């Protein structure tokens, strides 16, 4: 399962997602959000780096 799948299913299964989750789920959700945002930032960096490499060729 991907992080996006986990988030999608969690949203679908729990109407409290994300801000009204109980403490036992709230902090793991913050960790999931960190993973999603880090992944997005890494992919954006990769795209920009590839574009810079292509311009040098």
C-alpha atoms as a PDB file:
ATOM      1  CA  UNK A   1       0.000   0.000   0.000  1.00  0.00           C
ATOM      2  CA  UNK A   2       1.189   3.486  -0.776  1.00  0.00           C
ATOM      3  CA  UNK A   3       0.988   6.420   1.615  1.00  0.00           C
ATOM      4  CA  UNK A   4      -1.674   7.929  -0.632  1.00  0.00           C
ATOM      5  CA  UNK A   5      -3.736   4.742  -0.426  1.00  0.00           C
ATOM      6  CA  UNK A   6      -3.464   4.745   3.356  1.00  0.00           C
ATOM      7  CA  UNK A   7      -4.643   8.346   3.503  1.00  0.00           C
ATOM      8  CA  UNK A   8      -7.473   7.764   1.019  1.00  0.00           C
ATOM      9  CA  UNK A   9      -8.796   4.744   2.905  1.00  0.00           C
ATOM     10  CA  UNK A  10      -8.465   6.435   6.276  1.00  0.00           C
ATOM     11  CA  UNK A  11     -10.444   9.443   5.001  1.00  0.00           C
ATOM     12  CA  UNK A  12     -13.111   7.151   3.601  1.00  0.00           C
ATOM     13  CA  UNK A  13     -13.387   5.046   6.758  1.00  0.00           C
ATOM     14  CA  UNK A  14     -13.246   7.731   9.463  1.00  0.00           C
ATOM     15  CA  UNK A  15     -15.263  10.961   9.210  1.00  0.00           C
ATOM     16  CA  UNK A  16     -13.082  12.452  11.968  1.00  0.00           C
ATOM     17  CA  UNK A  17     -10.054  12.377   9.660  1.00  0.00           C
ATOM     18  CA  UNK A  18      -7.736  14.236  10.056  1.00  0.00           C
ATOM     19  CA  UNK A  19      -8.307  16.912  12.693  1.00  0.00           C
ATOM     20  CA  UNK A  20     -10.784  15.222  15.010  1.00  0.00           C
ATOM     21  CA  UNK A  21      -9.032  11.886  15.406  1.00  0.00           C
ATOM     22  CA  UNK A  22      -8.444  10.563  18.928  1.00  0.00           C
ATOM     23  CA  UNK A  23      -4.902  10.954  20.283  1.00  0.00           C
ATOM     24  CA  UNK A  24      -4.042   7.333  19.444  1.00  0.00           C
ATOM     25  CA  UNK A  25      -4.654   8.119  15.761  1.00  0.00           C
ATOM     26  CA  UNK A  26      -3.935  11.849  15.623  1.00  0.00           C
ATOM     27  CA  UNK A  27      -0.178  11.589  16.040  1.00  0.00           C
ATOM     28  CA  UNK A  28       0.242   8.691  13.602  1.00  0.00           C
ATOM     29  CA  UNK A  29      -1.756  10.784  11.110  1.00  0.00           C
ATOM     30  CA  UNK A  30       0.713  13.641  11.584  1.00  0.00           C
ATOM     31  CA  UNK A  31       3.491  11.182  10.746  1.00  0.00           C
ATOM     32  CA  UNK A  32       1.592  10.053   7.653  1.00  0.00           C
ATOM     33  CA  UNK A  33       1.190  13.697   6.608  1.00  0.00           C
ATOM     34  CA  UNK A  34       4.929  14.236   7.042  1.00  0.00           C
ATOM     35  CA  UNK A  35       5.605  11.263   4.792  1.00  0.00           C
ATOM     36  CA  UNK A  36       3.236  12.555   2.122  1.00  0.00           C
ATOM     37  CA  UNK A  37       4.732  16.045   2.192  1.00  0.00           C
ATOM     38  CA  UNK A  38       8.322  14.768   2.165  1.00  0.00           C
ATOM     39  CA  UNK A  39       7.503  12.553  -0.802  1.00  0.00           C
ATOM     40  CA  UNK A  40       5.964  15.482  -2.679  1.00  0.00           C
ATOM     41  CA  UNK A  41       8.987  17.675  -1.923  1.00  0.00           C
ATOM     42  CA  UNK A  42      11.407  14.962  -3.028  1.00  0.00           C
ATOM     43  CA  UNK A  43       9.531  14.401  -6.288  1.00  0.00           C
ATOM     44  CA  UNK A  44       9.475  18.149  -6.992  1.00  0.00           C
ATOM     45  CA  UNK A  45      13.233  18.288  -6.343  1.00  0.00           C
ATOM     46  CA  UNK A  46      13.771  15.345  -8.723  1.00  0.00           C
ATOM     47  CA  UNK A  47      11.744  17.007 -11.477  1.00  0.00           C
ATOM     48  CA  UNK A  48      13.672  20.268 -11.103  1.00  0.00           C
ATOM     49  CA  UNK A  49      17.006  18.453 -11.007  1.00  0.00           C
ATOM     50  CA  UNK A  50      16.224  16.465 -14.144  1.00  0.00           C
ATOM     51  CA  UNK A  51      15.204  19.677 -15.916  1.00  0.00           C
ATOM     52  CA  UNK A  52      18.488  21.320 -14.894  1.00  0.00           C
ATOM     53  CA  UNK A  53      20.484  18.299 -16.080  1.00  0.00           C
ATOM     54  CA  UNK A  54      18.614  18.318 -19.396  1.00  0.00           C
ATOM     55  CA  UNK A  55      19.409  22.003 -19.900  1.00  0.00           C
ATOM     56  CA  UNK A  56      23.120  21.280 -19.417  1.00  0.00           C
ATOM     57  CA  UNK A  57      23.144  18.546 -22.074  1.00  0.00           C
END
